[in-house]
Protein backbone atom coordinates (compact mmCIF):
# COMPACT_ATOMS: atom_id res chain seq x y z
CA MET A 1 -120.29 13.85 -116.45
CA THR A 2 -119.22 13.31 -112.91
CA PRO A 3 -115.43 12.53 -112.26
CA LYS A 4 -116.67 8.74 -111.52
CA GLU A 5 -118.57 8.59 -115.00
CA GLN A 6 -115.35 10.15 -116.84
CA LEU A 7 -113.21 7.44 -114.79
CA GLN A 8 -115.35 4.82 -115.47
CA SER A 9 -115.30 5.90 -119.39
CA ILE A 10 -111.52 5.37 -119.71
CA LEU A 11 -111.18 1.92 -118.14
CA ASN A 12 -111.30 -0.08 -121.28
CA ASN A 13 -109.00 2.09 -123.05
CA GLU A 14 -105.76 1.02 -124.32
CA TYR A 15 -102.17 3.09 -124.57
CA GLU A 16 -98.89 2.58 -125.48
CA SER A 17 -96.19 3.91 -123.35
CA GLU A 18 -92.82 5.62 -124.61
CA ASP A 19 -91.33 2.14 -124.47
CA GLY A 20 -94.08 0.69 -126.64
CA ASP A 21 -95.62 -1.21 -123.84
CA LEU A 22 -99.59 -1.44 -123.87
CA TYR A 23 -101.36 -0.48 -120.64
CA LYS A 24 -104.39 0.46 -119.15
CA VAL A 25 -105.49 2.60 -116.37
CA GLU A 26 -105.11 0.67 -112.95
CA LEU A 27 -107.58 1.66 -110.27
CA LEU A 28 -106.57 2.13 -106.64
CA GLU A 29 -109.29 0.56 -104.22
CA GLY A 30 -112.09 2.76 -103.22
CA MET A 31 -112.21 4.31 -99.74
CA THR A 32 -114.20 2.91 -96.69
CA GLU A 33 -117.00 4.86 -94.87
CA GLU A 34 -114.60 5.27 -92.23
CA GLU A 35 -111.95 6.59 -94.45
CA ILE A 36 -114.58 8.94 -96.00
CA GLU A 37 -115.72 10.29 -92.49
CA ALA A 38 -111.99 10.92 -91.64
CA TYR A 39 -111.13 12.61 -94.71
CA LYS A 40 -113.99 14.88 -94.35
CA GLN A 41 -113.08 16.12 -91.01
CA GLN A 42 -110.09 17.56 -92.83
CA LEU A 43 -111.49 19.34 -95.28
CA PRO A 44 -113.00 23.01 -94.84
CA GLY A 45 -116.26 22.92 -93.23
CA GLN A 46 -116.01 19.35 -93.37
CA TYR A 47 -117.58 19.44 -96.27
CA LEU A 48 -117.47 16.70 -99.44
CA PRO A 49 -119.20 17.36 -102.41
CA ILE A 50 -121.56 14.47 -103.51
CA GLU A 51 -119.74 13.71 -106.37
CA ILE A 52 -116.56 13.49 -105.18
CA GLU A 53 -117.78 11.17 -102.12
CA GLU A 54 -119.11 9.11 -104.81
CA LEU A 55 -115.66 8.84 -107.00
CA LEU A 56 -113.92 8.16 -103.56
CA ARG A 57 -116.08 5.31 -103.00
CA PHE A 58 -115.36 3.74 -106.15
CA SER A 59 -111.84 4.69 -106.38
CA LYS A 60 -109.29 6.91 -104.55
CA GLY A 61 -107.02 7.22 -107.43
CA PHE A 62 -105.46 5.36 -110.26
CA GLU A 63 -102.12 4.54 -111.68
CA PHE A 64 -101.00 6.04 -115.34
CA SER A 65 -97.90 5.74 -117.20
CA GLY A 66 -95.80 8.87 -117.49
CA LEU A 67 -97.30 10.48 -114.30
CA GLU A 68 -97.03 9.57 -110.67
CA GLU A 69 -99.95 8.21 -108.90
CA VAL A 70 -102.89 10.05 -109.34
CA ARG A 71 -104.63 10.64 -105.83
CA PHE A 72 -108.18 12.16 -105.16
CA ASP A 73 -107.57 11.60 -101.52
CA THR A 74 -104.59 13.94 -100.85
CA PHE A 75 -105.67 16.86 -99.42
CA GLY A 76 -103.12 19.02 -97.54
CA PRO A 77 -100.10 21.21 -97.92
CA PHE A 78 -97.73 20.57 -100.78
CA GLY A 79 -95.62 23.74 -100.54
CA PHE A 80 -97.21 26.36 -102.24
CA GLU A 81 -99.73 27.29 -99.28
CA GLU A 82 -99.37 31.26 -100.09
CA MET A 83 -100.90 30.24 -103.52
CA PHE A 84 -103.35 27.34 -102.73
CA PRO A 85 -104.13 27.37 -99.21
CA ARG A 86 -106.36 24.53 -99.75
CA SER A 87 -105.74 21.70 -102.22
CA VAL A 88 -105.79 18.45 -103.52
CA GLN A 89 -102.55 17.12 -105.00
CA LEU A 90 -103.47 15.26 -107.87
CA ALA A 91 -100.25 14.30 -109.15
CA GLY A 92 -96.60 14.67 -109.63
CA ASP A 93 -94.48 14.71 -112.86
CA GLY A 94 -91.40 13.20 -110.97
CA PHE A 95 -89.36 16.34 -111.06
CA GLY A 96 -91.12 18.59 -108.18
CA ASN A 97 -93.96 19.73 -110.31
CA PHE A 98 -97.71 19.04 -109.37
CA TRP A 99 -101.40 19.04 -110.47
CA ILE A 100 -103.31 20.49 -107.96
CA LEU A 101 -106.91 20.92 -107.53
CA ASP A 102 -107.90 24.24 -105.77
CA ILE A 103 -110.46 24.11 -102.86
CA ASP A 104 -112.32 27.07 -101.61
CA SER A 105 -113.10 27.90 -97.81
CA LYS A 106 -116.23 26.19 -98.35
CA GLY A 107 -115.16 23.07 -99.59
CA LYS A 108 -116.01 23.35 -103.09
CA TRP A 109 -113.88 21.67 -105.36
CA ASN A 110 -112.68 23.94 -108.23
CA SER A 111 -110.07 24.28 -111.04
CA VAL A 112 -106.82 22.18 -111.32
CA TYR A 113 -103.76 23.76 -111.85
CA TYR A 114 -100.45 23.03 -113.17
CA VAL A 115 -97.87 23.93 -110.58
CA CYS A 116 -94.01 24.13 -111.92
CA HIS A 117 -91.16 25.33 -110.18
CA ASP A 118 -88.71 25.58 -113.21
CA PRO A 119 -89.70 27.53 -114.68
CA ALA A 120 -91.75 29.53 -111.69
CA VAL A 121 -95.13 29.26 -113.39
CA VAL A 122 -98.95 28.32 -112.88
CA VAL A 123 -101.16 27.41 -115.27
CA LYS A 124 -104.66 26.57 -115.26
CA HIS A 125 -104.83 23.08 -116.51
CA SER A 126 -108.61 22.08 -116.50
CA GLU A 127 -111.82 23.65 -115.54
CA ASN A 128 -112.43 21.04 -113.02
CA LEU A 129 -111.59 17.17 -111.94
CA THR A 130 -113.88 15.45 -114.55
CA GLU A 131 -112.01 17.45 -117.36
CA PHE A 132 -108.66 16.33 -115.80
CA ILE A 133 -109.29 12.91 -115.97
CA ALA A 134 -110.48 13.71 -119.69
CA HIS A 135 -106.82 15.06 -120.00
CA ILE A 136 -105.13 12.34 -118.70
CA ASP A 137 -107.10 10.13 -121.03
CA GLU A 138 -105.91 12.60 -124.08
CA PHE A 139 -102.39 12.51 -122.93
CA GLY A 140 -102.40 8.62 -122.99
CA LYS A 141 -104.12 8.59 -126.41
CA ASN A 142 -102.40 11.74 -128.33
CA GLY A 143 -98.82 12.36 -126.42
CA LYS A 144 -97.26 15.62 -127.51
CA GLU A 145 -100.55 16.90 -129.00
CA SER A 146 -102.55 16.66 -125.77
CA ASN A 147 -103.35 19.58 -123.27
CA LEU A 148 -101.22 18.06 -120.59
CA ASP A 149 -98.07 18.16 -122.96
CA ILE A 150 -98.39 21.28 -124.38
CA ILE A 151 -98.76 23.01 -120.96
CA HIS A 152 -95.91 20.90 -119.51
CA GLU A 153 -93.82 21.18 -122.46
CA LYS A 154 -94.59 24.55 -124.14
CA ILE A 155 -97.08 26.84 -122.23
CA VAL A 156 -94.81 27.20 -119.04
CA SER A 157 -91.90 28.54 -120.91
CA ASP A 158 -94.23 30.82 -123.21
CA ILE A 159 -95.62 32.40 -120.05
CA TRP A 160 -92.02 32.66 -118.26
CA LEU A 161 -90.76 34.56 -121.26
CA GLU A 162 -93.85 36.72 -121.37
CA LYS A 163 -94.99 35.80 -124.88
CA ILE A 164 -98.42 35.22 -123.18
CA GLY A 165 -99.71 36.26 -120.08
CA ILE A 166 -102.18 37.79 -117.71
CA MET A 167 -99.91 39.96 -115.28
CA GLU A 168 -101.24 43.26 -114.36
CA LYS A 169 -99.88 46.29 -112.78
CA ASN A 170 -101.13 47.47 -109.62
CA GLU A 171 -102.66 50.27 -110.84
CA LYS A 172 -105.49 48.18 -111.96
CA ASP A 173 -108.64 48.81 -109.91
CA TYR A 174 -108.75 45.84 -107.60
CA ASN A 175 -109.98 46.69 -103.85
CA PHE A 176 -107.60 44.83 -101.45
CA SER A 177 -108.75 46.55 -98.53
CA GLN A 178 -109.65 42.85 -96.82
CA VAL A 179 -106.19 41.56 -97.14
CA GLN A 180 -104.62 40.89 -93.86
CA GLY A 181 -101.21 41.94 -93.53
CA GLU A 182 -99.08 44.65 -95.45
CA LEU A 183 -99.14 44.80 -99.38
CA PRO A 184 -96.02 44.84 -101.07
CA GLU A 185 -94.62 48.46 -102.14
CA LEU A 186 -94.89 47.02 -105.92
CA PHE A 187 -96.80 44.53 -107.20
CA LEU A 188 -98.54 42.62 -110.01
CA VAL A 189 -101.98 40.89 -110.18
CA ALA A 190 -102.72 37.75 -111.85
CA ASP A 191 -106.46 37.27 -112.29
CA LEU A 192 -107.51 33.87 -113.77
CA THR A 193 -111.14 34.47 -113.22
CA ASN A 194 -112.93 33.17 -115.96
CA LYS A 195 -109.99 32.54 -118.03
CA PRO A 196 -109.27 29.76 -120.46
CA ILE A 197 -107.41 26.80 -119.40
CA GLN A 198 -103.88 27.07 -120.68
CA THR A 199 -103.71 30.54 -119.17
CA GLY A 200 -101.44 31.27 -116.43
CA PHE A 201 -98.69 33.53 -114.49
CA SER A 202 -95.12 33.31 -113.51
CA TRP A 203 -94.89 33.64 -109.69
CA GLY A 204 -91.06 33.71 -109.21
CA LYS A 205 -89.72 36.50 -111.65
CA SER A 206 -88.66 38.53 -108.74
CA GLY A 207 -86.36 35.71 -107.54
CA PRO A 208 -86.54 33.89 -104.50
CA LYS A 209 -88.75 34.71 -101.51
CA THR A 210 -91.13 36.72 -103.49
CA LYS A 211 -94.04 37.79 -101.53
CA ILE A 212 -97.50 36.17 -102.89
CA ILE A 213 -101.19 36.88 -101.49
CA ARG A 214 -104.07 34.99 -102.28
CA PRO A 215 -106.80 37.49 -100.97
CA GLY A 216 -109.75 35.29 -101.20
CA ASP A 217 -111.63 32.06 -102.99
CA GLU A 218 -111.30 33.95 -106.03
CA PRO A 219 -108.65 32.71 -108.46
CA ILE A 220 -106.54 36.12 -108.08
CA TRP A 221 -103.26 36.72 -106.87
CA ILE A 222 -101.00 39.52 -105.77
CA ILE A 223 -97.36 39.06 -106.83
CA GLU A 224 -94.74 40.88 -105.38
CA LYS A 225 -92.69 43.20 -108.01
CA ARG A 226 -88.88 44.03 -107.35
CA VAL A 227 -87.28 46.49 -109.26
CA LYS A 228 -83.58 45.32 -109.90
CA GLN A 229 -81.48 48.38 -108.49
CA GLY A 230 -78.41 49.59 -110.37
CA PHE A 231 -74.75 49.64 -108.99
CA LEU A 232 -75.15 53.32 -107.90
CA SER A 233 -78.32 52.99 -106.29
CA LYS A 234 -76.86 50.08 -104.29
CA LEU A 235 -73.75 51.91 -103.51
CA PHE A 236 -76.04 54.78 -102.12
CA GLY A 237 -78.39 52.65 -100.43
CA GLY A 238 -81.19 53.31 -102.99
CA LYS A 239 -81.18 57.07 -102.18
CA LYS A 240 -81.58 59.85 -104.91
């Protein structure tokens, strides 16, 4: 099913808000030919997948209770460019956390991630945009039992508390010879390649200004690991 078909399939569904009010998806208008051409100019390689172009002609987003506006036309920086250098900010939760769609250097639209700042965690939310729209429908129908709510309310905490996780020490056999710039002295590798949804990693365990590197298009990140110094180490400048 394409993203447009998935969106069309939920238009007649009726949902109940937390306040008990009934609502439906409220579509935003589609993009004009001129708007689509201007949008393409912003994208990597000026490439827009056919199924996404089809979606944008139909609608550039929609309103849904419990979320900020869901948008498909918001390509650009959102504050985490070191992790997601090319992305579409699909929606926010109103608390500074976002659902973003990762776009590679060739313009392919890939998985959707939930990027949380408190706790500082990234979670693979949906395999693609079609599934993300289905997950919003599920959220409207099932609330706390939905993938969206489980990630938002539980998975981020489990990952932060290391009940679940994928972080590997840097001795794992990765070839980062093509990385531009200097690697951190100590780091962990977060590799979400072929991992299922609800898998993720903590990006802020080492505190503010943690160095994060995205080596390429693959969902692999290098996360700086800072070792806390004891009192004597600080006193003597870390010298033995």
